[in-house]
Amino acid sequence: MTTSYELNFGKDYNDSLPVLGSVMADVIEFFGGKSIYGVGGDFAANLIAAMEKRLDICPSSNEMHAGFSACAQAEIDGLGFCLTTYTVGSLPCASAAALAVTEGLPVVFISGAPGEVEVHQQAIHHTVHPNASWKTEYDNALNAFAALGMKVERLQGDRASSQPNVAGNRFFHLVAQAYKTKQPVFIEVPRDLVFAKTQLLKLPESVEKITWGDNVLCGSELIATKVISKLNEAKAPMLYLGDKLKHNDKLKALILAFAEKFNIPFATSWFAKGIFDEYHPLALGAYNGVFTQTAGGEYIDSQVDYVLDVATSIYAQDTNTAFGTGTHKIESLSNRTLLKGGTVLERDIVEVFEHLIKADIKRFDFQQPKTTAPVVLAEDETIDFNNLADTLNQLQAEHQTPFVYLPEVGNSYFTSYSLTVKQSSLGRAWLTNPWYGAMGTALPYARVVAKRIKENGDKDRAVVIIGDGGFHFQLNEMIHFLKDRTNVTIIYMRNNVFHLGKSGDSSIYHCNDADFDVHSVVKGYQGQAYRTHTVAEFKAAFEQTLQVQGIQLIEILAQPTEEKQCNELRLLNLYIKSKNGDPASIEKWQALSRS
């Protein structure tokens, strides 16, 4: 049968046309994608069938976790992919989409949708549709994701019978939009388009060859000249590096080469923790004012006289600036140059550093500040949040294998800032969602990390730090560690309450029961569990987990008391109490902030 495309453009052209599902797989592979995380469904069935022979369609325990895993994929690979069915599948991804927006994660949320021939006045079972409505709504998911500030689009079929659709071309540009802007996009694909012909694409040779548009911001040489003069006047300069560097390997490498050439130390913001090796001789750790627990923090507060602030967020955020306590020395330092970045892939900052690395700048005599005597923990000391970081740091210092930390929101998150992280083969050794702060990401993130470590043949170890509240929220994701045959160490901080933010003894704060047997749960997933009480027991159990395959869980019976909290959280609680007018706390905070 002769098609209208053949009549209009000829048989050769018609025969060259691919189907949309094939083009979508081409585009995903072009951007380096190998896996898509998702949950199957009726409107997604054609998409799965079209791509499953080319891509690893990874099932998740629910749609929200699929979205969180895609966020982790974006953290590691620079682009993440999530696949769900129409509305009932896509709307549960809204939390993950909000995370991607706030963390600047290029995630492509793909949803199957009703076929174009199905869209009419009858409500489809998947539509969000009140039974008293006079209007059929098909765009609720598009509107919901658009409300988060995302680019959204439903792909369209041909609108002239002799002209093939451009849905494949639109899919390419939407994925490219996510990649270049480091923001998520949401794409609905009508199921009757998946195997319909679309116009042929000629993809660039590589991502680097995509025409993004040149950097039209000028003045980089003038900026570099000013920075050079500042550096040559300084005695103790430093680089302060922000979270916009997370997905820019070229700029990260350029900055590190610059720092090493001129012996200039660097620190990261809290949100950028883990993107550089904190064992590097120039590393001062993650800085956040009075909450900084390292010798690097003392050096910054007392000696640094010039800061080159690179790729930190445009808007200040209290978590990242010492919770607005006024103790963040860098925020108040007048002798500072800000390079925030205003172009695609931070090309304007790249240009500045390309000038700086060739400049005539003196080499500084920086030497890593002497740390205080290493914390020596008594082997019989009770293990809890207050000494967990010191214990893990001791273990990491004794191992060449990098630990990739994945702390859950809550006490575990604050404790993790005192961890000293090595450079992981993944490029990140600390992954969490500090800005958005949504509980439920640690295990979906760890699943992606463990899977990538296995695929790369690396020895790095995924280490989850999680409270029992967060664990119960997402433990169904453990089935995928079993299915993937991957390795993970889960440090399970058990205090049976949602402790962070607890303001009373109401039953709503009690997330667990004393009779819950986590060991039996882990055994069901063919894993092993250990209960530890002391530092010595924890260290022995942790060492054992590194030698064994599969899911390994270490249960710590944490105490919900102030003396067992990590120092960062004790300081934050003290500050909050002082702001609430507690006289004793005001006196303590004032003494602390003056010191």
Protein backbone atom coordinates (compact mmCIF):
# COMPACT_ATOMS: atom_id res chain seq x y z
CA MET A 1 0.00 0.00 0.00
CA THR A 2 1.41 3.35 -1.02
CA THR A 3 1.55 5.81 1.88
CA SER A 4 0.89 9.51 1.67
CA TYR A 5 4.56 10.12 2.60
CA GLU A 6 5.66 8.04 -0.37
CA LEU A 7 3.30 9.87 -2.71
CA ASN A 8 4.60 13.21 -1.51
CA PHE A 9 8.35 12.57 -1.13
CA GLY A 10 9.02 9.27 -2.88
CA LYS A 11 9.56 5.64 -1.90
CA ASP A 12 13.22 6.00 -0.90
CA TYR A 13 12.38 8.76 1.56
CA ASN A 14 9.42 6.84 2.97
CA ASP A 15 11.52 3.71 3.42
CA SER A 16 14.19 5.69 5.29
CA LEU A 17 11.79 6.90 7.96
CA PRO A 18 12.30 5.28 11.40
CA VAL A 19 9.60 4.78 14.01
CA LEU A 20 9.49 7.12 16.98
CA GLY A 21 10.40 4.47 19.58
CA SER A 22 13.60 3.66 17.70
CA VAL A 23 14.55 7.34 17.45
CA MET A 24 13.95 7.81 21.18
CA ALA A 25 16.35 4.93 21.89
CA ASP A 26 18.88 6.49 19.49
CA VAL A 27 18.68 9.81 21.33
CA ILE A 28 19.00 8.26 24.79
CA GLU A 29 22.05 6.26 23.67
CA PHE A 30 23.53 9.36 22.03
CA PHE A 31 23.49 11.14 25.39
CA GLY A 32 25.17 8.16 27.05
CA GLY A 33 22.05 6.62 28.54
CA LYS A 34 22.05 2.88 29.05
CA SER A 35 19.32 2.49 31.64
CA ILE A 36 15.82 3.80 32.29
CA TYR A 37 14.21 3.46 35.73
CA GLY A 38 10.48 3.00 35.85
CA VAL A 39 7.29 1.08 36.48
CA GLY A 40 5.33 -0.57 33.69
CA GLY A 41 1.78 0.33 32.75
CA ASP A 42 -0.73 0.21 29.95
CA PHE A 43 0.10 3.49 28.26
CA ALA A 44 3.85 2.82 28.65
CA ALA A 45 3.74 -0.69 27.18
CA ASN A 46 4.59 0.37 23.63
CA LEU A 47 7.53 2.46 24.83
CA ILE A 48 8.87 -0.50 26.79
CA ALA A 49 8.48 -2.81 23.80
CA ALA A 50 10.22 -0.31 21.51
CA MET A 51 13.26 0.22 23.74
CA GLU A 52 13.79 -2.87 25.90
CA LYS A 53 16.09 -4.59 23.38
CA ARG A 54 18.36 -1.54 23.26
CA LEU A 55 18.22 -0.20 26.81
CA ASP A 56 18.13 -1.66 30.31
CA ILE A 57 14.59 -0.98 31.53
CA CYS A 58 15.15 -1.17 35.30
CA PRO A 59 12.00 -1.85 37.35
CA SER A 60 11.50 0.09 40.56
CA SER A 61 9.31 -0.71 43.54
CA ASN A 62 7.18 2.38 42.87
CA GLU A 63 7.15 5.42 40.61
CA MET A 64 8.55 7.85 43.18
CA HIS A 65 11.57 5.60 43.73
CA ALA A 66 11.98 5.30 39.95
CA GLY A 67 12.18 9.08 39.83
CA PHE A 68 14.66 9.20 42.70
CA SER A 69 16.84 6.57 40.99
CA ALA A 70 16.78 8.67 37.82
CA CYS A 71 17.93 11.62 39.94
CA ALA A 72 20.86 9.54 41.19
CA GLN A 73 21.60 8.53 37.60
CA ALA A 74 21.74 12.23 36.69
CA GLU A 75 24.08 12.90 39.62
CA ILE A 76 26.53 10.24 38.40
CA ASP A 77 26.12 10.26 34.61
CA GLY A 78 24.99 13.81 33.95
CA LEU A 79 21.58 12.68 32.66
CA GLY A 80 18.85 10.46 34.12
CA PHE A 81 15.79 8.77 32.59
CA CYS A 82 12.49 7.73 34.18
CA LEU A 83 9.60 5.93 32.44
CA THR A 84 6.03 5.62 33.75
CA THR A 85 2.49 5.33 32.53
CA TYR A 86 -0.02 8.15 32.16
CA THR A 87 -0.95 10.24 35.27
CA VAL A 88 -1.35 7.39 37.77
CA GLY A 89 2.32 6.65 37.08
CA SER A 90 3.73 10.07 36.27
CA LEU A 91 2.13 12.14 39.04
CA PRO A 92 3.82 10.12 41.86
CA CYS A 93 7.12 11.29 40.31
CA ALA A 94 6.33 14.89 41.23
CA SER A 95 8.45 14.69 44.39
CA ALA A 96 11.43 13.44 42.41
CA ALA A 97 10.82 16.15 39.80
CA ALA A 98 10.82 18.81 42.52
CA LEU A 99 14.10 17.36 43.79
CA ALA A 100 15.54 17.52 40.26
CA VAL A 101 14.46 21.15 39.86
CA THR A 102 15.98 22.29 43.14
CA GLU A 103 19.17 20.24 42.86
CA GLY A 104 19.73 21.15 39.19
CA LEU A 105 19.51 17.55 37.95
CA PRO A 106 18.97 16.87 34.23
CA VAL A 107 16.33 14.15 34.46
CA VAL A 108 14.08 13.21 31.53
CA PHE A 109 10.68 12.08 32.86
CA ILE A 110 8.97 10.11 30.09
CA SER A 111 5.33 9.15 30.40
CA GLY A 112 3.17 7.07 28.13
CA ALA A 113 -0.07 8.83 27.20
CA PRO A 114 -3.36 8.07 25.49
CA GLY A 115 -3.11 7.76 21.75
CA GLU A 116 -4.06 10.82 19.79
CA VAL A 117 -7.08 8.99 18.40
CA GLU A 118 -8.24 8.30 21.96
CA VAL A 119 -8.48 11.94 22.99
CA HIS A 120 -12.14 12.98 22.83
CA GLN A 121 -14.96 13.90 25.16
CA GLN A 122 -15.02 10.59 27.03
CA ALA A 123 -12.95 10.49 30.21
CA ILE A 124 -10.25 7.80 30.19
CA HIS A 125 -9.76 5.77 33.36
CA HIS A 126 -6.32 7.31 33.98
CA THR A 127 -7.45 10.92 33.82
CA VAL A 128 -7.69 13.06 36.93
CA HIS A 129 -11.32 13.86 36.40
CA PRO A 130 -14.15 14.69 38.85
CA ASN A 131 -17.38 13.00 37.96
CA ALA A 132 -19.28 16.29 38.09
CA SER A 133 -17.04 17.98 35.51
CA TRP A 134 -18.40 19.32 32.22
CA LYS A 135 -14.95 19.21 30.66
CA THR A 136 -12.60 16.29 29.96
CA GLU A 137 -9.09 16.97 31.25
CA TYR A 138 -6.09 15.34 29.62
CA ASP A 139 -3.35 17.80 30.60
CA ASN A 140 -3.28 17.48 34.38
CA ALA A 141 0.13 15.83 34.51
CA LEU A 142 1.58 18.36 32.06
CA ASN A 143 0.18 21.18 34.17
CA ALA A 144 1.45 19.66 37.42
CA PHE A 145 5.04 19.35 36.21
CA ALA A 146 4.89 22.77 34.54
CA ALA A 147 3.88 24.22 37.91
CA LEU A 148 7.29 23.11 39.21
CA GLY A 149 8.96 25.31 36.60
CA MET A 150 9.83 22.47 34.23
CA LYS A 151 9.77 22.35 30.46
CA VAL A 152 6.88 20.03 29.53
CA GLU A 153 5.57 18.78 26.21
CA ARG A 154 3.35 16.09 24.73
CA LEU A 155 4.81 14.79 21.48
CA GLN A 156 2.52 15.13 18.46
CA GLY A 157 1.84 13.09 15.36
CA ASP A 158 1.56 14.42 11.85
CA ARG A 159 -0.85 17.24 11.20
CA ALA A 160 -0.76 16.90 7.41
CA SER A 161 -1.26 13.46 5.94
CA SER A 162 1.64 13.86 3.52
CA GLN A 163 4.12 15.30 6.04
CA PRO A 164 5.65 12.93 8.65
CA ASN A 165 5.70 14.11 12.24
CA VAL A 166 8.70 15.72 13.91
CA ALA A 167 8.19 13.96 17.26
CA GLY A 168 11.68 12.41 17.17
CA ASN A 169 13.24 15.80 16.54
CA ARG A 170 11.26 17.30 19.43
CA PHE A 171 12.38 14.46 21.73
CA PHE A 172 16.02 15.16 20.87
CA HIS A 173 15.68 18.87 21.63
CA LEU A 174 13.87 18.24 24.91
CA VAL A 175 16.59 15.85 26.10
CA ALA A 176 19.22 18.36 24.97
CA GLN A 177 17.35 21.02 26.94
CA ALA A 178 17.69 18.95 30.10
CA TYR A 179 21.36 18.27 29.43
CA LYS A 180 22.45 21.81 28.76
CA THR A 181 20.33 23.59 31.39
CA LYS A 182 20.79 20.96 34.15
CA GLN A 183 17.06 20.97 34.71
CA PRO A 184 14.46 18.20 34.32
CA VAL A 185 11.95 17.93 31.51
CA PHE A 186 8.64 16.05 31.32
CA ILE A 187 7.56 14.40 28.06
CA GLU A 188 4.30 12.60 27.35
CA VAL A 189 4.32 10.18 24.42
CA PRO A 190 0.94 9.13 22.94
CA ARG A 191 1.02 5.37 22.64
CA ASP A 192 -0.11 5.35 19.00
CA LEU A 193 2.98 7.38 18.01
CA VAL A 194 5.58 4.95 19.35
CA PHE A 195 5.54 2.75 16.25
CA ALA A 196 4.51 5.54 13.88
CA LYS A 197 7.07 6.88 11.44
CA THR A 198 8.86 10.11 12.27
CA GLN A 199 11.31 12.25 10.35
CA LEU A 200 14.85 10.92 10.16
CA LEU A 201 17.48 12.55 12.40
CA LYS A 202 21.14 13.12 11.66
CA LEU A 203 22.58 13.20 15.16
CA PRO A 204 25.86 15.08 15.79
CA GLU A 205 29.08 13.07 16.12
CA SER A 206 29.08 13.62 19.88
CA VAL A 207 27.44 15.69 22.59
CA GLU A 208 30.36 18.13 22.34
CA LYS A 209 29.45 18.76 18.69
CA ILE A 210 25.90 19.89 19.45
CA THR A 211 25.44 23.53 18.52
CA TRP A 212 24.41 24.97 21.86
CA GLY A 213 25.03 28.55 20.83
CA ASP A 214 28.29 30.30 21.49
CA ASN A 215 29.05 32.09 24.74
CA VAL A 216 28.08 35.64 23.83
CA LEU A 217 29.06 37.02 27.24
CA CYS A 218 32.32 38.85 26.79
CA GLY A 219 34.83 40.27 29.23
CA SER A 220 36.38 37.05 30.53
CA GLU A 221 39.90 38.40 29.96
CA LEU A 222 39.08 41.54 31.94
CA ILE A 223 37.65 39.43 34.77
CA ALA A 224 40.77 37.25 34.75
CA THR A 225 42.99 40.33 34.89
CA LYS A 226 41.18 41.53 38.01
CA VAL A 227 41.45 38.10 39.65
CA ILE A 228 45.18 37.94 38.84
CA SER A 229 45.79 41.30 40.50
CA LYS A 230 43.84 40.18 43.56
CA LEU A 231 45.81 36.94 43.77
CA ASN A 232 49.15 38.70 43.47
CA GLU A 233 48.18 41.00 46.33
CA ALA A 234 47.00 38.15 48.54
CA LYS A 235 48.98 36.14 51.06
CA ALA A 236 46.47 33.38 51.74
CA PRO A 237 43.94 33.02 48.92
CA MET A 238 41.55 30.11 48.45
CA LEU A 239 38.98 28.75 46.02
CA TYR A 240 35.44 28.29 47.31
CA LEU A 241 33.64 25.82 45.04
CA GLY A 242 29.89 25.41 44.69
CA ASP A 243 27.31 22.87 43.65
CA LYS A 244 26.94 24.11 40.06
CA LEU A 245 30.21 22.24 39.39
CA LYS A 246 28.58 18.86 40.05
CA HIS A 247 27.94 18.10 36.38
CA ASN A 248 30.79 19.97 34.71
CA ASP A 249 33.81 17.66 34.54
CA LYS A 250 35.69 20.00 32.21
CA LEU A 251 35.49 22.94 34.62
CA LYS A 252 36.27 20.73 37.64
CA ALA A 253 39.44 19.47 35.97
CA LEU A 254 40.45 22.98 34.96
CA ILE A 255 39.95 24.32 38.50
CA LEU A 256 41.93 21.48 40.05
CA ALA A 257 44.79 21.99 37.57
CA PHE A 258 44.78 25.73 38.39
CA ALA A 259 44.83 25.06 42.15
CA GLU A 260 47.71 22.59 41.83
CA LYS A 261 49.74 24.84 39.53
CA PHE A 262 49.69 27.78 41.93
CA ASN A 263 49.32 25.81 45.19
CA ILE A 264 46.01 27.45 46.12
CA PRO A 265 43.81 25.56 48.60
CA PHE A 266 40.14 24.92 47.96
CA ALA A 267 37.03 24.25 49.98
CA THR A 268 33.55 23.32 48.85
CA SER A 269 30.21 24.54 50.06
CA TRP A 270 28.11 22.05 52.00
CA PHE A 271 26.00 21.39 48.91
CA ALA A 272 29.12 20.59 46.86
CA LYS A 273 30.59 18.12 49.35
CA GLY A 274 31.97 15.01 47.69
CA ILE A 275 32.82 16.40 44.25
CA PHE A 276 36.53 16.72 45.13
CA ASP A 277 38.84 14.40 47.05
CA GLU A 278 38.97 15.66 50.63
CA TYR A 279 42.26 13.80 51.11
CA HIS A 280 43.90 16.03 48.46
CA PRO A 281 46.75 18.08 50.01
CA LEU A 282 45.03 21.32 48.94
CA ALA A 283 41.56 20.35 50.21
CA LEU A 284 40.14 22.24 53.18
CA GLY A 285 36.95 20.17 53.27
CA ALA A 286 33.36 21.39 53.16
CA TYR A 287 33.02 24.81 54.79
CA ASN A 288 29.93 26.17 56.53
CA GLY A 289 30.92 28.67 59.18
CA VAL A 290 30.73 27.58 62.79
CA PHE A 291 29.39 24.19 61.71
CA THR A 292 32.70 23.28 60.06
CA GLN A 293 34.38 20.57 62.12
CA THR A 294 37.78 20.48 60.40
CA ALA A 295 41.13 22.25 60.70
CA GLY A 296 40.34 23.69 57.27
CA GLY A 297 37.49 25.65 58.80
CA GLU A 298 39.79 27.26 61.35
CA TYR A 299 42.27 28.14 58.59
CA ILE A 300 39.54 29.82 56.53
CA ASP A 301 38.21 31.79 59.48
CA SER A 302 41.60 32.99 60.71
CA GLN A 303 43.98 33.25 57.74
CA VAL A 304 42.30 33.46 54.32
CA ASP A 305 42.48 37.01 52.92
CA TYR A 306 41.05 36.52 49.41
CA VAL A 307 38.40 34.14 48.08
CA LEU A 308 37.64 33.22 44.49
CA ASP A 309 34.04 32.00 44.78
CA VAL A 310 33.22 29.67 41.87
CA ALA A 311 29.86 28.26 40.74
CA THR A 312 27.93 28.65 43.96
CA SER A 313 24.18 29.17 43.70
CA ILE A 314 22.78 32.50 42.57
CA TYR A 315 20.45 32.65 45.57
CA ALA A 316 21.85 32.17 49.05
CA GLN A 317 20.25 29.30 50.99
CA ASP A 318 20.40 29.09 54.75
CA THR A 319 21.56 25.46 54.96
CA ASN A 320 24.51 26.35 52.76
CA THR A 321 25.39 29.59 54.56
CA ALA A 322 25.56 28.42 58.18
CA PHE A 323 21.78 28.67 58.61
CA GLY A 324 21.95 32.46 58.62
CA THR A 325 23.91 32.51 61.87
CA GLY A 326 26.32 35.21 60.67
CA THR A 327 29.32 32.91 61.21
CA HIS A 328 30.03 32.18 57.52
CA LYS A 329 33.33 34.02 57.05
CA ILE A 330 33.30 33.71 53.26
CA GLU A 331 29.84 35.26 52.94
CA SER A 332 30.98 38.34 54.85
CA LEU A 333 34.47 38.66 53.32
CA SER A 334 34.71 41.82 51.22
CA ASN A 335 37.85 40.72 49.36
CA ARG A 336 36.03 38.15 47.25
CA THR A 337 35.44 37.63 43.53
CA LEU A 338 32.20 35.88 42.57
CA LEU A 339 32.06 33.75 39.42
CA LYS A 340 28.49 32.47 39.44
CA GLY A 341 28.24 31.47 35.77
CA GLY A 342 25.55 32.65 33.41
CA THR A 343 25.90 30.57 30.26
CA VAL A 344 25.24 27.03 29.11
CA LEU A 345 27.70 24.57 30.69
CA GLU A 346 29.33 27.50 32.56
CA ARG A 347 31.38 28.39 29.47
CA ASP A 348 31.93 31.92 30.78
CA ILE A 349 33.68 30.53 33.89
CA VAL A 350 35.65 28.07 31.75
CA GLU A 351 36.98 31.00 29.71
CA VAL A 352 38.11 32.83 32.85
CA PHE A 353 40.05 29.80 34.12
CA GLU A 354 41.58 29.22 30.70
CA HIS A 355 43.07 32.71 31.07
CA LEU A 356 44.03 32.20 34.72
CA ILE A 357 45.89 28.94 34.26
CA LYS A 358 48.22 30.62 31.73
CA ALA A 359 48.70 33.78 33.79
CA ASP A 360 51.77 35.10 35.58
CA ILE A 361 50.74 34.35 39.15
CA LYS A 362 53.08 33.65 42.01
CA ARG A 363 53.05 30.18 43.48
CA PHE A 364 51.83 30.29 47.06
CA ASP A 365 53.48 28.57 50.00
CA PHE A 366 50.29 27.08 51.37
CA GLN A 367 50.72 24.09 53.63
CA GLN A 368 47.85 21.99 54.89
CA PRO A 369 46.96 23.27 58.38
CA LYS A 370 47.94 20.92 61.13
CA THR A 371 44.96 19.01 62.32
CA THR A 372 44.29 18.58 65.95
CA ALA A 373 45.28 15.24 67.37
CA PRO A 374 43.21 12.49 65.78
CA VAL A 375 40.18 11.58 67.80
CA VAL A 376 40.99 8.39 69.66
CA LEU A 377 37.83 6.55 70.54
CA ALA A 378 37.83 4.00 73.29
CA GLU A 379 37.03 0.61 71.82
CA ASP A 380 34.35 0.04 74.46
CA GLU A 381 32.73 3.45 73.89
CA THR A 382 29.08 3.24 72.86
CA ILE A 383 28.64 3.87 69.12
CA ASP A 384 26.06 6.54 68.21
CA PHE A 385 25.60 9.65 66.08
CA ASN A 386 28.11 11.59 68.18
CA ASN A 387 31.07 9.39 67.20
CA LEU A 388 29.91 7.68 64.00
CA ALA A 389 31.77 10.06 61.66
CA ASP A 390 35.05 9.77 63.60
CA THR A 391 34.77 5.98 63.50
CA LEU A 392 34.06 5.90 59.75
CA ASN A 393 36.89 8.37 59.09
CA GLN A 394 39.28 6.07 60.89
CA LEU A 395 38.08 3.14 58.79
CA GLN A 396 38.32 5.12 55.54
CA ALA A 397 41.86 6.26 56.35
CA GLU A 398 42.85 2.61 56.74
CA HIS A 399 41.33 1.54 53.39
CA GLN A 400 42.27 2.36 49.82
CA THR A 401 38.71 1.48 48.80
CA PRO A 402 36.64 4.68 48.65
CA PHE A 403 33.37 4.63 50.54
CA VAL A 404 30.55 6.33 48.63
CA TYR A 405 28.32 7.78 51.34
CA LEU A 406 24.56 8.12 50.89
CA PRO A 407 23.08 9.76 54.00
CA GLU A 408 19.31 10.00 54.43
CA VAL A 409 17.62 13.25 55.44
CA GLY A 410 17.62 13.67 59.21
CA ASN A 411 20.28 13.09 61.85
CA SER A 412 22.21 10.93 59.37
CA TYR A 413 22.49 13.86 56.97
CA PHE A 414 23.98 16.23 59.53
CA THR A 415 26.35 13.56 60.82
CA SER A 416 27.69 13.01 57.31
CA TYR A 417 29.24 16.49 57.07
CA SER A 418 32.05 15.43 59.40
CA LEU A 419 32.96 12.55 57.10
CA THR A 420 36.19 12.89 55.14
CA VAL A 421 35.52 11.50 51.67
CA LYS A 422 37.93 10.04 49.15
CA GLN A 423 37.67 10.52 45.41
CA SER A 424 35.39 7.84 44.05
CA SER A 425 35.65 6.31 40.59
CA LEU A 426 32.11 7.67 40.10
CA GLY A 427 33.35 11.26 40.47
CA ARG A 428 31.24 11.68 43.61
CA ALA A 429 31.75 10.12 47.02
CA TRP A 430 28.86 11.77 48.87
CA LEU A 431 25.38 11.85 47.37
CA THR A 432 22.30 13.19 49.04
CA ASN A 433 19.68 15.87 48.43
CA PRO A 434 20.60 18.65 50.86
CA TRP A 435 18.67 21.48 49.23
CA TYR A 436 15.27 19.91 48.66
CA GLY A 437 15.51 17.66 51.69
CA ALA A 438 12.98 15.00 50.67
CA MET A 439 13.07 11.83 52.73
CA GLY A 440 13.17 8.66 50.69
CA THR A 441 16.17 8.97 48.38
CA ALA A 442 19.02 7.10 50.10
CA LEU A 443 18.18 3.56 48.95
CA PRO A 444 17.08 4.51 45.39
CA TYR A 445 20.32 6.52 45.10
CA ALA A 446 22.38 3.67 46.55
CA ARG A 447 20.82 1.23 44.11
CA VAL A 448 22.10 3.28 41.17
CA VAL A 449 25.52 3.78 42.78
CA ALA A 450 25.97 0.08 43.57
CA LYS A 451 24.84 -0.89 40.07
CA ARG A 452 27.30 1.51 38.44
CA ILE A 453 30.17 0.33 40.68
CA LYS A 454 29.44 -3.25 39.61
CA GLU A 455 29.21 -2.33 35.91
CA ASN A 456 32.54 -0.50 36.08
CA GLY A 457 34.23 -3.36 37.90
CA ASP A 458 35.29 -1.00 40.69
CA LYS A 459 35.93 -1.77 44.35
CA ASP A 460 34.20 1.32 45.77
CA ARG A 461 31.58 0.59 48.41
CA ALA A 462 28.13 2.16 48.66
CA VAL A 463 27.51 3.07 52.32
CA VAL A 464 24.02 4.18 53.32
CA ILE A 465 23.55 6.00 56.63
CA ILE A 466 19.88 6.03 57.56
CA GLY A 467 17.53 6.26 60.51
CA ASP A 468 14.81 3.73 61.08
CA GLY A 469 12.15 6.24 59.99
CA GLY A 470 13.76 6.78 56.60
CA PHE A 471 14.52 3.07 56.26
CA HIS A 472 10.90 2.00 56.69
CA PHE A 473 9.86 4.63 54.17
CA GLN A 474 11.83 2.94 51.39
CA LEU A 475 12.97 -0.55 52.42
CA ASN A 476 10.96 -2.12 49.57
CA GLU A 477 13.69 -0.82 47.27
CA MET A 478 16.06 -3.44 48.74
CA ILE A 479 14.59 -6.06 46.44
CA HIS A 480 16.53 -4.44 43.60
CA PHE A 481 19.91 -4.92 45.30
CA LEU A 482 19.03 -8.60 45.38
CA LYS A 483 17.87 -8.63 41.75
CA ASP A 484 20.91 -6.65 40.58
CA ARG A 485 23.31 -8.78 42.68
CA THR A 486 24.96 -5.62 43.98
CA ASN A 487 26.67 -4.80 47.27
CA VAL A 488 25.72 -2.23 49.86
CA THR A 489 26.48 -1.50 53.51
CA ILE A 490 23.51 0.02 55.34
CA ILE A 491 24.18 1.70 58.69
CA TYR A 492 20.77 1.55 60.37
CA MET A 493 20.50 4.11 63.19
CA ARG A 494 17.66 2.81 65.31
CA ASN A 495 16.02 5.07 67.87
CA ASN A 496 12.37 4.21 67.02
CA VAL A 497 11.34 7.86 66.51
CA PHE A 498 11.46 10.58 63.90
CA HIS A 499 13.95 12.47 66.05
CA LEU A 500 14.95 15.44 63.87
CA GLY A 501 12.32 18.12 64.41
CA LYS A 502 10.57 16.16 67.17
CA SER A 503 8.52 18.58 69.27
CA GLY A 504 6.59 16.31 71.59
CA ASP A 505 5.73 12.72 72.46
CA SER A 506 2.76 12.29 70.14
CA SER A 507 2.45 8.90 68.47
CA ILE A 508 3.04 10.54 65.09
CA TYR A 509 6.74 10.78 65.95
CA HIS A 510 7.08 7.06 66.66
CA CYS A 511 8.16 5.45 63.39
CA ASN A 512 9.09 2.01 64.69
CA ASP A 513 8.24 -0.60 67.28
CA ALA A 514 10.56 -2.17 69.82
CA ASP A 515 9.59 -5.64 68.61
CA PHE A 516 10.50 -4.98 64.98
CA ASP A 517 13.17 -7.47 63.85
CA VAL A 518 15.21 -5.83 61.09
CA HIS A 519 17.53 -8.83 60.94
CA SER A 520 14.72 -11.08 59.71
CA VAL A 521 13.82 -8.52 57.05
CA VAL A 522 17.39 -8.37 55.78
CA LYS A 523 17.61 -12.16 55.82
CA GLY A 524 14.55 -12.24 53.57
CA TYR A 525 16.58 -10.30 51.01
CA GLN A 526 19.40 -12.87 51.37
CA GLY A 527 21.51 -10.34 53.26
CA GLN A 528 23.22 -10.30 56.64
CA ALA A 529 22.62 -8.05 59.62
CA TYR A 530 24.76 -7.21 62.65
CA ARG A 531 23.80 -5.48 65.89
CA THR A 532 26.57 -3.36 67.40
CA HIS A 533 26.81 -1.51 70.68
CA THR A 534 30.43 -0.34 70.90
CA VAL A 535 32.97 1.26 68.60
CA ALA A 536 34.94 -1.99 68.47
CA GLU A 537 31.86 -4.02 67.53
CA PHE A 538 30.91 -1.53 64.82
CA LYS A 539 34.40 -1.52 63.29
CA ALA A 540 34.50 -5.31 63.24
CA ALA A 541 31.05 -5.50 61.65
CA PHE A 542 31.88 -2.84 59.06
CA GLU A 543 35.08 -4.65 58.07
CA GLN A 544 33.03 -7.82 57.67
CA THR A 545 30.53 -6.10 55.37
CA LEU A 546 33.34 -5.18 52.99
CA GLN A 547 34.23 -8.83 52.57
CA VAL A 548 30.74 -10.15 51.87
CA GLN A 549 28.46 -9.87 48.85
CA GLY A 550 24.93 -8.51 48.86
CA ILE A 551 23.00 -6.45 51.39
CA GLN A 552 24.83 -5.90 54.67
CA LEU A 553 23.11 -4.00 57.48
CA ILE A 554 24.64 -2.78 60.73
CA GLU A 555 22.07 -1.95 63.40
CA ILE A 556 23.06 0.72 65.91
CA LEU A 557 20.79 1.30 68.88
CA ALA A 558 20.94 5.10 68.82
CA GLN A 559 19.80 7.14 71.81
CA PRO A 560 17.51 10.14 71.14
CA THR A 561 19.37 12.38 73.57
CA GLU A 562 21.30 15.59 73.02
CA GLU A 563 24.66 14.23 74.16
CA LYS A 564 24.45 11.49 71.53
CA GLN A 565 23.77 13.87 68.65
CA CYS A 566 26.50 14.91 66.23
CA ASN A 567 28.14 18.25 66.88
CA GLU A 568 26.57 19.94 63.84
CA LEU A 569 23.07 19.13 65.05
CA ARG A 570 23.78 20.15 68.63
CA LEU A 571 24.99 23.52 67.34
CA LEU A 572 21.94 23.96 65.13
CA ASN A 573 19.58 23.11 67.99
CA LEU A 574 21.43 25.54 70.26
CA TYR A 575 21.08 28.29 67.66
CA ILE A 576 17.37 27.57 67.19
CA LYS A 577 16.79 27.68 70.96
CA SER A 578 18.65 30.99 71.18
CA LYS A 579 16.51 32.46 68.38
CA ASN A 580 13.44 31.27 70.27
CA GLY A 581 14.54 33.38 73.25
CA ASP A 582 15.88 30.77 75.68
CA PRO A 583 18.23 32.80 77.98
CA ALA A 584 20.76 30.02 78.64
CA SER A 585 20.97 29.19 74.94
CA ILE A 586 21.40 32.86 74.02
CA GLU A 587 24.35 33.13 76.40
CA LYS A 588 25.95 29.93 75.09
CA TRP A 589 25.48 30.91 71.46
CA GLN A 590 26.89 34.39 71.95
CA ALA A 591 29.95 32.95 73.66
CA LEU A 592 30.40 30.46 70.85
CA SER A 593 29.96 32.93 67.99
CA ARG A 594 32.40 35.41 69.56
CA SER A 595 35.13 32.78 69.91
